[in-house]
mmCIF file of all heavy atoms, coordinates in Angstrom:
data_MODEL
# 
_entry.id   MODEL 
# 
loop_
_atom_site.group_PDB 
_atom_site.id 
_atom_site.type_symbol 
_atom_site.label_atom_id 
_atom_site.label_alt_id 
_atom_site.label_comp_id 
_atom_site.label_asym_id 
_atom_site.label_entity_id 
_atom_site.label_seq_id 
_atom_site.pdbx_PDB_ins_code 
_atom_site.Cartn_x 
_atom_site.Cartn_y 
_atom_site.Cartn_z 
_atom_site.occupancy 
_atom_site.B_iso_or_equiv 
_atom_site.pdbx_formal_charge 
_atom_site.auth_seq_id 
_atom_site.auth_comp_id 
_atom_site.auth_asym_id 
_atom_site.auth_atom_id 
_atom_site.pdbx_PDB_model_num 
ATOM 1   N N   . ARG A 1 1  ? -23.997 -4.454 -11.526 1.00 0.00 ? 1  ARG A N   1 
ATOM 2   C CA  . ARG A 1 1  ? -22.647 -4.244 -11.946 1.00 0.00 ? 1  ARG A CA  1 
ATOM 3   C C   . ARG A 1 1  ? -22.020 -3.027 -11.109 1.00 0.00 ? 1  ARG A C   1 
ATOM 4   O O   . ARG A 1 1  ? -20.912 -3.054 -10.839 1.00 0.00 ? 1  ARG A O   1 
ATOM 5   C CB  . ARG A 1 1  ? -22.606 -3.966 -13.493 1.00 0.00 ? 1  ARG A CB  1 
ATOM 6   C CG  . ARG A 1 1  ? -21.237 -3.897 -13.998 1.00 0.00 ? 1  ARG A CG  1 
ATOM 7   C CD  . ARG A 1 1  ? -21.188 -3.830 -15.519 1.00 0.00 ? 1  ARG A CD  1 
ATOM 8   N NE  . ARG A 1 1  ? -19.918 -3.673 -16.053 1.00 0.00 ? 1  ARG A NE  1 
ATOM 9   C CZ  . ARG A 1 1  ? -19.384 -2.524 -16.367 1.00 0.00 ? 1  ARG A CZ  1 
ATOM 10  N NH1 . ARG A 1 1  ? -20.105 -1.475 -16.239 1.00 0.00 ? 1  ARG A NH1 1 
ATOM 11  N NH2 . ARG A 1 1  ? -17.996 -2.458 -16.773 1.00 0.00 ? 1  ARG A NH2 1 
ATOM 12  N N   . ALA A 1 2  ? -22.791 -1.983 -10.947 1.00 0.00 ? 2  ALA A N   1 
ATOM 13  C CA  . ALA A 1 2  ? -22.237 -0.773 -10.284 1.00 0.00 ? 2  ALA A CA  1 
ATOM 14  C C   . ALA A 1 2  ? -21.791 -1.089 -8.867  1.00 0.00 ? 2  ALA A C   1 
ATOM 15  O O   . ALA A 1 2  ? -20.775 -0.609 -8.437  1.00 0.00 ? 2  ALA A O   1 
ATOM 16  C CB  . ALA A 1 2  ? -23.324 0.347  -10.303 1.00 0.00 ? 2  ALA A CB  1 
ATOM 17  N N   . ILE A 1 3  ? -22.578 -1.932 -8.171  1.00 0.00 ? 3  ILE A N   1 
ATOM 18  C CA  . ILE A 1 3  ? -22.157 -2.215 -6.829  1.00 0.00 ? 3  ILE A CA  1 
ATOM 19  C C   . ILE A 1 3  ? -20.919 -3.122 -6.909  1.00 0.00 ? 3  ILE A C   1 
ATOM 20  O O   . ILE A 1 3  ? -20.009 -3.138 -6.036  1.00 0.00 ? 3  ILE A O   1 
ATOM 21  C CB  . ILE A 1 3  ? -23.309 -3.051 -6.117  1.00 0.00 ? 3  ILE A CB  1 
ATOM 22  C CG1 . ILE A 1 3  ? -24.562 -2.262 -6.134  1.00 0.00 ? 3  ILE A CG1 1 
ATOM 23  C CG2 . ILE A 1 3  ? -22.969 -3.489 -4.696  1.00 0.00 ? 3  ILE A CG2 1 
ATOM 24  C CD1 . ILE A 1 3  ? -24.590 -1.054 -5.223  1.00 0.00 ? 3  ILE A CD1 1 
ATOM 25  N N   . HIS A 1 4  ? -20.869 -4.120 -7.840  1.00 0.00 ? 4  HIS A N   1 
ATOM 26  C CA  . HIS A 1 4  ? -19.720 -5.087 -7.983  1.00 0.00 ? 4  HIS A CA  1 
ATOM 27  C C   . HIS A 1 4  ? -18.453 -4.258 -8.244  1.00 0.00 ? 4  HIS A C   1 
ATOM 28  O O   . HIS A 1 4  ? -17.385 -4.517 -7.562  1.00 0.00 ? 4  HIS A O   1 
ATOM 29  C CB  . HIS A 1 4  ? -20.042 -6.033 -9.102  1.00 0.00 ? 4  HIS A CB  1 
ATOM 30  C CG  . HIS A 1 4  ? -18.846 -6.991 -9.214  1.00 0.00 ? 4  HIS A CG  1 
ATOM 31  N ND1 . HIS A 1 4  ? -18.760 -8.107 -8.449  1.00 0.00 ? 4  HIS A ND1 1 
ATOM 32  C CD2 . HIS A 1 4  ? -17.854 -7.122 -10.079 1.00 0.00 ? 4  HIS A CD2 1 
ATOM 33  C CE1 . HIS A 1 4  ? -17.625 -8.795 -8.727  1.00 0.00 ? 4  HIS A CE1 1 
ATOM 34  N NE2 . HIS A 1 4  ? -17.112 -8.153 -9.839  1.00 0.00 ? 4  HIS A NE2 1 
ATOM 35  N N   . LEU A 1 5  ? -18.489 -3.337 -9.086  1.00 0.00 ? 5  LEU A N   1 
ATOM 36  C CA  . LEU A 1 5  ? -17.306 -2.446 -9.479  1.00 0.00 ? 5  LEU A CA  1 
ATOM 37  C C   . LEU A 1 5  ? -16.899 -1.616 -8.287  1.00 0.00 ? 5  LEU A C   1 
ATOM 38  O O   . LEU A 1 5  ? -15.705 -1.458 -8.003  1.00 0.00 ? 5  LEU A O   1 
ATOM 39  C CB  . LEU A 1 5  ? -17.605 -1.639 -10.707 1.00 0.00 ? 5  LEU A CB  1 
ATOM 40  C CG  . LEU A 1 5  ? -17.778 -2.324 -12.018 1.00 0.00 ? 5  LEU A CG  1 
ATOM 41  C CD1 . LEU A 1 5  ? -18.129 -1.295 -13.108 1.00 0.00 ? 5  LEU A CD1 1 
ATOM 42  C CD2 . LEU A 1 5  ? -16.580 -3.106 -12.388 1.00 0.00 ? 5  LEU A CD2 1 
ATOM 43  N N   . TYR A 1 6  ? -17.804 -1.061 -7.483  1.00 0.00 ? 6  TYR A N   1 
ATOM 44  C CA  . TYR A 1 6  ? -17.471 -0.305 -6.336  1.00 0.00 ? 6  TYR A CA  1 
ATOM 45  C C   . TYR A 1 6  ? -16.769 -1.100 -5.371  1.00 0.00 ? 6  TYR A C   1 
ATOM 46  O O   . TYR A 1 6  ? -15.812 -0.705 -4.704  1.00 0.00 ? 6  TYR A O   1 
ATOM 47  C CB  . TYR A 1 6  ? -18.752 0.394  -5.742  1.00 0.00 ? 6  TYR A CB  1 
ATOM 48  C CG  . TYR A 1 6  ? -18.508 1.217  -4.564  1.00 0.00 ? 6  TYR A CG  1 
ATOM 49  C CD1 . TYR A 1 6  ? -18.127 2.486  -4.725  1.00 0.00 ? 6  TYR A CD1 1 
ATOM 50  C CD2 . TYR A 1 6  ? -18.742 0.651  -3.275  1.00 0.00 ? 6  TYR A CD2 1 
ATOM 51  C CE1 . TYR A 1 6  ? -17.845 3.280  -3.648  1.00 0.00 ? 6  TYR A CE1 1 
ATOM 52  C CE2 . TYR A 1 6  ? -18.378 1.437  -2.120  1.00 0.00 ? 6  TYR A CE2 1 
ATOM 53  C CZ  . TYR A 1 6  ? -18.056 2.748  -2.312  1.00 0.00 ? 6  TYR A CZ  1 
ATOM 54  O OH  . TYR A 1 6  ? -17.808 3.455  -1.227  1.00 0.00 ? 6  TYR A OH  1 
ATOM 55  N N   . ASN A 1 7  ? -17.264 -2.286 -5.036  1.00 0.00 ? 7  ASN A N   1 
ATOM 56  C CA  . ASN A 1 7  ? -16.691 -3.169 -4.053  1.00 0.00 ? 7  ASN A CA  1 
ATOM 57  C C   . ASN A 1 7  ? -15.290 -3.645 -4.518  1.00 0.00 ? 7  ASN A C   1 
ATOM 58  O O   . ASN A 1 7  ? -14.434 -3.891 -3.609  1.00 0.00 ? 7  ASN A O   1 
ATOM 59  C CB  . ASN A 1 7  ? -17.588 -4.421 -3.725  1.00 0.00 ? 7  ASN A CB  1 
ATOM 60  C CG  . ASN A 1 7  ? -18.846 -4.030 -3.029  1.00 0.00 ? 7  ASN A CG  1 
ATOM 61  O OD1 . ASN A 1 7  ? -18.945 -2.955 -2.426  1.00 0.00 ? 7  ASN A OD1 1 
ATOM 62  N ND2 . ASN A 1 7  ? -19.824 -4.805 -3.250  1.00 0.00 ? 7  ASN A ND2 1 
ATOM 63  N N   . LYS A 1 8  ? -15.025 -3.823 -5.756  1.00 0.00 ? 8  LYS A N   1 
ATOM 64  C CA  . LYS A 1 8  ? -13.743 -4.297 -6.325  1.00 0.00 ? 8  LYS A CA  1 
ATOM 65  C C   . LYS A 1 8  ? -12.604 -3.223 -6.276  1.00 0.00 ? 8  LYS A C   1 
ATOM 66  O O   . LYS A 1 8  ? -11.484 -3.538 -5.989  1.00 0.00 ? 8  LYS A O   1 
ATOM 67  C CB  . LYS A 1 8  ? -14.009 -4.873 -7.776  1.00 0.00 ? 8  LYS A CB  1 
ATOM 68  C CG  . LYS A 1 8  ? -12.825 -5.567 -8.227  1.00 0.00 ? 8  LYS A CG  1 
ATOM 69  C CD  . LYS A 1 8  ? -13.149 -6.134 -9.632  1.00 0.00 ? 8  LYS A CD  1 
ATOM 70  C CE  . LYS A 1 8  ? -11.937 -6.870 -10.200 1.00 0.00 ? 8  LYS A CE  1 
ATOM 71  N NZ  . LYS A 1 8  ? -12.154 -7.437 -11.542 1.00 0.00 ? 8  LYS A NZ  1 
ATOM 72  N N   . TYR A 1 9  ? -12.969 -1.955 -6.642  1.00 0.00 ? 9  TYR A N   1 
ATOM 73  C CA  . TYR A 1 9  ? -12.003 -1.004 -6.884  1.00 0.00 ? 9  TYR A CA  1 
ATOM 74  C C   . TYR A 1 9  ? -11.975 0.093  -5.925  1.00 0.00 ? 9  TYR A C   1 
ATOM 75  O O   . TYR A 1 9  ? -11.085 1.031  -5.937  1.00 0.00 ? 9  TYR A O   1 
ATOM 76  C CB  . TYR A 1 9  ? -12.207 -0.436 -8.275  1.00 0.00 ? 9  TYR A CB  1 
ATOM 77  C CG  . TYR A 1 9  ? -11.986 -1.473 -9.396  1.00 0.00 ? 9  TYR A CG  1 
ATOM 78  C CD1 . TYR A 1 9  ? -13.064 -1.750 -10.188 1.00 0.00 ? 9  TYR A CD1 1 
ATOM 79  C CD2 . TYR A 1 9  ? -10.787 -1.949 -9.710  1.00 0.00 ? 9  TYR A CD2 1 
ATOM 80  C CE1 . TYR A 1 9  ? -12.998 -2.722 -11.197 1.00 0.00 ? 9  TYR A CE1 1 
ATOM 81  C CE2 . TYR A 1 9  ? -10.611 -2.870 -10.727 1.00 0.00 ? 9  TYR A CE2 1 
ATOM 82  C CZ  . TYR A 1 9  ? -11.720 -3.197 -11.477 1.00 0.00 ? 9  TYR A CZ  1 
ATOM 83  O OH  . TYR A 1 9  ? -11.520 -4.111 -12.488 1.00 0.00 ? 9  TYR A OH  1 
ATOM 84  N N   . MET A 1 10 ? -12.811 0.085  -4.858  1.00 0.00 ? 10 MET A N   1 
ATOM 85  C CA  . MET A 1 10 ? -12.861 1.302  -4.001  1.00 0.00 ? 10 MET A CA  1 
ATOM 86  C C   . MET A 1 10 ? -11.803 1.238  -2.924  1.00 0.00 ? 10 MET A C   1 
ATOM 87  O O   . MET A 1 10 ? -11.431 2.305  -2.367  1.00 0.00 ? 10 MET A O   1 
ATOM 88  C CB  . MET A 1 10 ? -14.225 1.319  -3.341  1.00 0.00 ? 10 MET A CB  1 
ATOM 89  C CG  . MET A 1 10 ? -14.472 2.478  -2.346  1.00 0.00 ? 10 MET A CG  1 
ATOM 90  S SD  . MET A 1 10 ? -13.947 4.031  -2.968  1.00 0.00 ? 10 MET A SD  1 
ATOM 91  C CE  . MET A 1 10 ? -13.735 4.994  -1.465  1.00 0.00 ? 10 MET A CE  1 
ATOM 92  N N   . GLY A 1 11 ? -11.164 0.137  -2.584  1.00 0.00 ? 11 GLY A N   1 
ATOM 93  C CA  . GLY A 1 11 ? -10.323 -0.100 -1.452  1.00 0.00 ? 11 GLY A CA  1 
ATOM 94  C C   . GLY A 1 11 ? -8.878  0.321  -1.661  1.00 0.00 ? 11 GLY A C   1 
ATOM 95  O O   . GLY A 1 11 ? -7.998  -0.041 -0.907  1.00 0.00 ? 11 GLY A O   1 
ATOM 96  N N   . GLY A 1 12 ? -8.494  1.117  -2.689  1.00 0.00 ? 12 GLY A N   1 
ATOM 97  C CA  . GLY A 1 12 ? -7.132  1.503  -2.967  1.00 0.00 ? 12 GLY A CA  1 
ATOM 98  C C   . GLY A 1 12 ? -6.477  2.350  -1.849  1.00 0.00 ? 12 GLY A C   1 
ATOM 99  O O   . GLY A 1 12 ? -5.344  2.028  -1.381  1.00 0.00 ? 12 GLY A O   1 
ATOM 100 N N   . VAL A 1 13 ? -7.253  3.258  -1.165  1.00 0.00 ? 13 VAL A N   1 
ATOM 101 C CA  . VAL A 1 13 ? -6.709  4.036  -0.116  1.00 0.00 ? 13 VAL A CA  1 
ATOM 102 C C   . VAL A 1 13 ? -6.530  3.273  1.155   1.00 0.00 ? 13 VAL A C   1 
ATOM 103 O O   . VAL A 1 13 ? -5.619  3.393  1.842   1.00 0.00 ? 13 VAL A O   1 
ATOM 104 C CB  . VAL A 1 13 ? -7.625  5.249  0.113   1.00 0.00 ? 13 VAL A CB  1 
ATOM 105 C CG1 . VAL A 1 13 ? -7.110  6.160  1.302   1.00 0.00 ? 13 VAL A CG1 1 
ATOM 106 C CG2 . VAL A 1 13 ? -7.675  6.223  -1.090  1.00 0.00 ? 13 VAL A CG2 1 
ATOM 107 N N   . ASP A 1 14 ? -7.521  2.333  1.346   1.00 0.00 ? 14 ASP A N   1 
ATOM 108 C CA  . ASP A 1 14 ? -7.391  1.429  2.470   1.00 0.00 ? 14 ASP A CA  1 
ATOM 109 C C   . ASP A 1 14 ? -6.104  0.533  2.399   1.00 0.00 ? 14 ASP A C   1 
ATOM 110 O O   . ASP A 1 14 ? -5.547  0.182  3.404   1.00 0.00 ? 14 ASP A O   1 
ATOM 111 C CB  . ASP A 1 14 ? -8.668  0.591  2.673   1.00 0.00 ? 14 ASP A CB  1 
ATOM 112 C CG  . ASP A 1 14 ? -9.825  1.492  2.984   1.00 0.00 ? 14 ASP A CG  1 
ATOM 113 O OD1 . ASP A 1 14 ? -9.650  2.588  3.626   1.00 0.00 ? 14 ASP A OD1 1 
ATOM 114 O OD2 . ASP A 1 14 ? -10.938 1.114  2.694   1.00 0.00 ? 14 ASP A OD2 1 
ATOM 115 N N   . ILE A 1 15 ? -5.879  -0.032 1.253   1.00 0.00 ? 15 ILE A N   1 
ATOM 116 C CA  . ILE A 1 15 ? -4.722  -0.852 1.016   1.00 0.00 ? 15 ILE A CA  1 
ATOM 117 C C   . ILE A 1 15 ? -3.446  -0.065 1.209   1.00 0.00 ? 15 ILE A C   1 
ATOM 118 O O   . ILE A 1 15 ? -2.429  -0.543 1.954   1.00 0.00 ? 15 ILE A O   1 
ATOM 119 C CB  . ILE A 1 15 ? -4.702  -1.425 -0.399  1.00 0.00 ? 15 ILE A CB  1 
ATOM 120 C CG1 . ILE A 1 15 ? -5.834  -2.453 -0.706  1.00 0.00 ? 15 ILE A CG1 1 
ATOM 121 C CG2 . ILE A 1 15 ? -3.352  -2.037 -0.787  1.00 0.00 ? 15 ILE A CG2 1 
ATOM 122 C CD1 . ILE A 1 15 ? -6.063  -2.868 -2.124  1.00 0.00 ? 15 ILE A CD1 1 
ATOM 123 N N   . HIS A 1 16 ? -3.401  1.201  0.767   1.00 0.00 ? 16 HIS A N   1 
ATOM 124 C CA  . HIS A 1 16 ? -2.213  2.042  1.056   1.00 0.00 ? 16 HIS A CA  1 
ATOM 125 C C   . HIS A 1 16 ? -2.046  2.335  2.510   1.00 0.00 ? 16 HIS A C   1 
ATOM 126 O O   . HIS A 1 16 ? -0.924  2.352  3.022   1.00 0.00 ? 16 HIS A O   1 
ATOM 127 C CB  . HIS A 1 16 ? -2.344  3.441  0.270   1.00 0.00 ? 16 HIS A CB  1 
ATOM 128 C CG  . HIS A 1 16 ? -1.154  4.320  0.454   1.00 0.00 ? 16 HIS A CG  1 
ATOM 129 N ND1 . HIS A 1 16 ? -0.079  4.222  -0.392  1.00 0.00 ? 16 HIS A ND1 1 
ATOM 130 C CD2 . HIS A 1 16 ? -1.030  5.365  1.222   1.00 0.00 ? 16 HIS A CD2 1 
ATOM 131 C CE1 . HIS A 1 16 ? 0.825   5.106  -0.046  1.00 0.00 ? 16 HIS A CE1 1 
ATOM 132 N NE2 . HIS A 1 16 ? 0.287   5.821  1.005   1.00 0.00 ? 16 HIS A NE2 1 
ATOM 133 N N   . ASP A 1 17 ? -3.088  2.711  3.122   1.00 0.00 ? 17 ASP A N   1 
ATOM 134 C CA  . ASP A 1 17 ? -3.070  2.898  4.633   1.00 0.00 ? 17 ASP A CA  1 
ATOM 135 C C   . ASP A 1 17 ? -2.645  1.657  5.377   1.00 0.00 ? 17 ASP A C   1 
ATOM 136 O O   . ASP A 1 17 ? -1.960  1.710  6.313   1.00 0.00 ? 17 ASP A O   1 
ATOM 137 C CB  . ASP A 1 17 ? -4.521  3.355  5.047   1.00 0.00 ? 17 ASP A CB  1 
ATOM 138 C CG  . ASP A 1 17 ? -4.443  3.977  6.497   1.00 0.00 ? 17 ASP A CG  1 
ATOM 139 O OD1 . ASP A 1 17 ? -3.374  4.369  6.863   1.00 0.00 ? 17 ASP A OD1 1 
ATOM 140 O OD2 . ASP A 1 17 ? -5.466  4.057  7.207   1.00 0.00 ? 17 ASP A OD2 1 
ATOM 141 N N   . MET A 1 18 ? -3.035  0.469  4.948   1.00 0.00 ? 18 MET A N   1 
ATOM 142 C CA  . MET A 1 18 ? -2.669  -0.719 5.667   1.00 0.00 ? 18 MET A CA  1 
ATOM 143 C C   . MET A 1 18 ? -1.226  -0.960 5.480   1.00 0.00 ? 18 MET A C   1 
ATOM 144 O O   . MET A 1 18 ? -0.501  -1.332 6.504   1.00 0.00 ? 18 MET A O   1 
ATOM 145 C CB  . MET A 1 18 ? -3.430  -1.919 5.065   1.00 0.00 ? 18 MET A CB  1 
ATOM 146 C CG  . MET A 1 18 ? -3.085  -3.340 5.683   1.00 0.00 ? 18 MET A CG  1 
ATOM 147 S SD  . MET A 1 18 ? -3.675  -4.681 4.606   1.00 0.00 ? 18 MET A SD  1 
ATOM 148 C CE  . MET A 1 18 ? -2.850  -4.463 3.050   1.00 0.00 ? 18 MET A CE  1 
ATOM 149 N N   . HIS A 1 19 ? -0.606  -0.722 4.252   1.00 0.00 ? 19 HIS A N   1 
ATOM 150 C CA  . HIS A 1 19 ? 0.901   -0.903 4.190   1.00 0.00 ? 19 HIS A CA  1 
ATOM 151 C C   . HIS A 1 19 ? 1.612   0.073  5.027   1.00 0.00 ? 19 HIS A C   1 
ATOM 152 O O   . HIS A 1 19 ? 2.711   -0.125 5.533   1.00 0.00 ? 19 HIS A O   1 
ATOM 153 C CB  . HIS A 1 19 ? 1.191   -0.692 2.719   1.00 0.00 ? 19 HIS A CB  1 
ATOM 154 C CG  . HIS A 1 19 ? 0.821   -1.854 1.862   1.00 0.00 ? 19 HIS A CG  1 
ATOM 155 N ND1 . HIS A 1 19 ? 1.096   -3.189 2.221   1.00 0.00 ? 19 HIS A ND1 1 
ATOM 156 C CD2 . HIS A 1 19 ? 0.159   -1.958 0.707   1.00 0.00 ? 19 HIS A CD2 1 
ATOM 157 C CE1 . HIS A 1 19 ? 0.624   -4.005 1.286   1.00 0.00 ? 19 HIS A CE1 1 
ATOM 158 N NE2 . HIS A 1 19 ? 0.167   -3.265 0.312   1.00 0.00 ? 19 HIS A NE2 1 
ATOM 159 N N   . CYS A 1 20 ? 1.094   1.347  5.110   1.00 0.00 ? 20 CYS A N   1 
ATOM 160 C CA  . CYS A 1 20 ? 1.744   2.419  5.955   1.00 0.00 ? 20 CYS A CA  1 
ATOM 161 C C   . CYS A 1 20 ? 1.733   2.052  7.395   1.00 0.00 ? 20 CYS A C   1 
ATOM 162 O O   . CYS A 1 20 ? 2.683   2.232  8.056   1.00 0.00 ? 20 CYS A O   1 
ATOM 163 C CB  . CYS A 1 20 ? 1.098   3.750  5.662   1.00 0.00 ? 20 CYS A CB  1 
ATOM 164 S SG  . CYS A 1 20 ? 1.371   4.465  4.031   1.00 0.00 ? 20 CYS A SG  1 
ATOM 165 N N   . ASN A 1 21 ? 0.661   1.408  7.886   1.00 0.00 ? 21 ASN A N   1 
ATOM 166 C CA  . ASN A 1 21 ? 0.644   0.979  9.277   1.00 0.00 ? 21 ASN A CA  1 
ATOM 167 C C   . ASN A 1 21 ? 1.589   -0.153 9.633   1.00 0.00 ? 21 ASN A C   1 
ATOM 168 O O   . ASN A 1 21 ? 2.012   -0.312 10.706  1.00 0.00 ? 21 ASN A O   1 
ATOM 169 C CB  . ASN A 1 21 ? -0.897  0.559  9.650   1.00 0.00 ? 21 ASN A CB  1 
ATOM 170 C CG  . ASN A 1 21 ? -1.834  1.815  9.584   1.00 0.00 ? 21 ASN A CG  1 
ATOM 171 O OD1 . ASN A 1 21 ? -1.318  2.911  9.911   1.00 0.00 ? 21 ASN A OD1 1 
ATOM 172 N ND2 . ASN A 1 21 ? -3.012  1.549  9.405   1.00 0.00 ? 21 ASN A ND2 1 
ATOM 173 N N   . ASN A 1 22 ? 1.944   -0.993 8.560   1.00 0.00 ? 22 ASN A N   1 
ATOM 174 C CA  . ASN A 1 22 ? 2.897   -2.026 8.742   1.00 0.00 ? 22 ASN A CA  1 
ATOM 175 C C   . ASN A 1 22 ? 4.293   -1.460 8.851   1.00 0.00 ? 22 ASN A C   1 
ATOM 176 O O   . ASN A 1 22 ? 5.192   -2.141 9.374   1.00 0.00 ? 22 ASN A O   1 
ATOM 177 C CB  . ASN A 1 22 ? 2.813   -3.038 7.582   1.00 0.00 ? 22 ASN A CB  1 
ATOM 178 C CG  . ASN A 1 22 ? 1.565   -3.778 7.600   1.00 0.00 ? 22 ASN A CG  1 
ATOM 179 O OD1 . ASN A 1 22 ? 0.862   -3.947 8.650   1.00 0.00 ? 22 ASN A OD1 1 
ATOM 180 N ND2 . ASN A 1 22 ? 1.193   -4.221 6.376   1.00 0.00 ? 22 ASN A ND2 1 
ATOM 181 N N   . LEU A 1 23 ? 4.541   -0.162 8.468   1.00 0.00 ? 23 LEU A N   1 
ATOM 182 C CA  . LEU A 1 23 ? 5.869   0.486  8.516   1.00 0.00 ? 23 LEU A CA  1 
ATOM 183 C C   . LEU A 1 23 ? 5.853   1.586  9.576   1.00 0.00 ? 23 LEU A C   1 
ATOM 184 O O   . LEU A 1 23 ? 6.675   2.509  9.402   1.00 0.00 ? 23 LEU A O   1 
ATOM 185 C CB  . LEU A 1 23 ? 6.117   1.036  7.151   1.00 0.00 ? 23 LEU A CB  1 
ATOM 186 C CG  . LEU A 1 23 ? 6.291   0.079  5.952   1.00 0.00 ? 23 LEU A CG  1 
ATOM 187 C CD1 . LEU A 1 23 ? 6.359   0.763  4.664   1.00 0.00 ? 23 LEU A CD1 1 
ATOM 188 C CD2 . LEU A 1 23 ? 7.457   -0.847 6.143   1.00 0.00 ? 23 LEU A CD2 1 
ATOM 189 N N   . LEU A 1 24 ? 5.128   1.425  10.621  1.00 0.00 ? 24 LEU A N   1 
ATOM 190 C CA  . LEU A 1 24 ? 5.041   2.503  11.621  1.00 0.00 ? 24 LEU A CA  1 
ATOM 191 C C   . LEU A 1 24 ? 6.275   2.376  12.475  1.00 0.00 ? 24 LEU A C   1 
ATOM 192 O O   . LEU A 1 24 ? 6.504   1.352  13.173  1.00 0.00 ? 24 LEU A O   1 
ATOM 193 C CB  . LEU A 1 24 ? 3.747   2.269  12.432  1.00 0.00 ? 24 LEU A CB  1 
ATOM 194 C CG  . LEU A 1 24 ? 3.485   3.413  13.479  1.00 0.00 ? 24 LEU A CG  1 
ATOM 195 C CD1 . LEU A 1 24 ? 3.192   4.683  12.769  1.00 0.00 ? 24 LEU A CD1 1 
ATOM 196 C CD2 . LEU A 1 24 ? 2.349   3.046  14.383  1.00 0.00 ? 24 LEU A CD2 1 
ATOM 197 N N   . PRO A 1 25 ? 7.109   3.419  12.466  1.00 0.00 ? 25 PRO A N   1 
ATOM 198 C CA  . PRO A 1 25 ? 8.338   3.302  13.373  1.00 0.00 ? 25 PRO A CA  1 
ATOM 199 C C   . PRO A 1 25 ? 8.025   3.714  14.842  1.00 0.00 ? 25 PRO A C   1 
ATOM 200 O O   . PRO A 1 25 ? 7.133   4.348  15.154  1.00 0.00 ? 25 PRO A O   1 
ATOM 201 C CB  . PRO A 1 25 ? 9.192   4.386  12.737  1.00 0.00 ? 25 PRO A CB  1 
ATOM 202 C CG  . PRO A 1 25 ? 8.349   5.396  12.143  1.00 0.00 ? 25 PRO A CG  1 
ATOM 203 C CD  . PRO A 1 25 ? 7.153   4.609  11.703  1.00 0.00 ? 25 PRO A CD  1 
ATOM 204 N N   . CYS A 1 26 ? 8.854   3.140  15.729  1.00 0.00 ? 26 CYS A N   1 
ATOM 205 C CA  . CYS A 1 26 ? 8.690   3.368  17.125  1.00 0.00 ? 26 CYS A CA  1 
ATOM 206 C C   . CYS A 1 26 ? 9.334   4.654  17.515  1.00 0.00 ? 26 CYS A C   1 
ATOM 207 O O   . CYS A 1 26 ? 9.232   5.055  18.755  1.00 0.00 ? 26 CYS A O   1 
ATOM 208 C CB  . CYS A 1 26 ? 9.235   2.184  17.951  1.00 0.00 ? 26 CYS A CB  1 
ATOM 209 S SG  . CYS A 1 26 ? 10.977  1.902  17.829  1.00 0.00 ? 26 CYS A SG  1 
ATOM 210 N N   . ILE A 1 27 ? 10.123  5.335  16.736  1.00 0.00 ? 27 ILE A N   1 
ATOM 211 C CA  . ILE A 1 27 ? 10.772  6.569  17.020  1.00 0.00 ? 27 ILE A CA  1 
ATOM 212 C C   . ILE A 1 27 ? 9.675   7.757  16.790  1.00 0.00 ? 27 ILE A C   1 
ATOM 213 O O   . ILE A 1 27 ? 9.199   7.861  15.714  1.00 0.00 ? 27 ILE A O   1 
ATOM 214 C CB  . ILE A 1 27 ? 12.006  6.867  16.186  1.00 0.00 ? 27 ILE A CB  1 
ATOM 215 C CG1 . ILE A 1 27 ? 13.104  5.874  16.534  1.00 0.00 ? 27 ILE A CG1 1 
ATOM 216 C CG2 . ILE A 1 27 ? 12.528  8.254  16.387  1.00 0.00 ? 27 ILE A CG2 1 
ATOM 217 C CD1 . ILE A 1 27 ? 14.320  5.974  15.720  1.00 0.00 ? 27 ILE A CD1 1 
ATOM 218 N N   . ARG A 1 28 ? 9.373   8.503  17.700  1.00 0.00 ? 28 ARG A N   1 
ATOM 219 C CA  . ARG A 1 28 ? 8.233   9.371  17.770  1.00 0.00 ? 28 ARG A CA  1 
ATOM 220 C C   . ARG A 1 28 ? 8.734   10.816 18.123  1.00 0.00 ? 28 ARG A C   1 
ATOM 221 O O   . ARG A 1 28 ? 9.888   10.913 18.713  1.00 0.00 ? 28 ARG A O   1 
ATOM 222 C CB  . ARG A 1 28 ? 7.024   9.009  18.539  1.00 0.00 ? 28 ARG A CB  1 
ATOM 223 C CG  . ARG A 1 28 ? 6.436   7.565  18.066  1.00 0.00 ? 28 ARG A CG  1 
ATOM 224 C CD  . ARG A 1 28 ? 5.442   7.140  19.019  1.00 0.00 ? 28 ARG A CD  1 
ATOM 225 N NE  . ARG A 1 28 ? 4.981   5.744  18.696  1.00 0.00 ? 28 ARG A NE  1 
ATOM 226 C CZ  . ARG A 1 28 ? 4.254   5.111  19.481  1.00 0.00 ? 28 ARG A CZ  1 
ATOM 227 N NH1 . ARG A 1 28 ? 3.720   5.543  20.598  1.00 0.00 ? 28 ARG A NH1 1 
ATOM 228 N NH2 . ARG A 1 28 ? 3.822   3.804  19.091  1.00 0.00 ? 28 ARG A NH2 1 
ATOM 229 N N   . ALA A 1 29 ? 7.889   11.716 18.003  1.00 0.00 ? 29 ALA A N   1 
ATOM 230 C CA  . ALA A 1 29 ? 8.189   13.139 18.431  1.00 0.00 ? 29 ALA A CA  1 
ATOM 231 C C   . ALA A 1 29 ? 6.879   13.847 18.826  1.00 0.00 ? 29 ALA A C   1 
ATOM 232 O O   . ALA A 1 29 ? 5.794   13.416 18.375  1.00 0.00 ? 29 ALA A O   1 
ATOM 233 C CB  . ALA A 1 29 ? 8.982   13.882 17.292  1.00 0.00 ? 29 ALA A CB  1 
ATOM 234 N N   . LYS A 1 30 ? 6.973   14.944 19.500  1.00 0.00 ? 30 LYS A N   1 
ATOM 235 C CA  . LYS A 1 30 ? 5.821   15.747 19.912  1.00 0.00 ? 30 LYS A CA  1 
ATOM 236 C C   . LYS A 1 30 ? 5.283   16.623 18.807  1.00 0.00 ? 30 LYS A C   1 
ATOM 237 O O   . LYS A 1 30 ? 4.200   17.118 18.912  1.00 0.00 ? 30 LYS A O   1 
ATOM 238 C CB  . LYS A 1 30 ? 6.150   16.507 21.198  1.00 0.00 ? 30 LYS A CB  1 
ATOM 239 C CG  . LYS A 1 30 ? 6.474   15.642 22.423  1.00 0.00 ? 30 LYS A CG  1 
ATOM 240 C CD  . LYS A 1 30 ? 6.645   16.424 23.684  1.00 0.00 ? 30 LYS A CD  1 
ATOM 241 C CE  . LYS A 1 30 ? 6.927   15.535 24.846  1.00 0.00 ? 30 LYS A CE  1 
ATOM 242 N NZ  . LYS A 1 30 ? 7.175   16.294 26.066  1.00 0.00 ? 30 LYS A NZ  1 
# 
């Protein structure tokens, strides 16, 4: 059960990072 819960709920930060990468603007700065 511990392995199953870890695989199910651990990816919250990865989901947020994936959404942010979909909104990457092409306007950049140094």
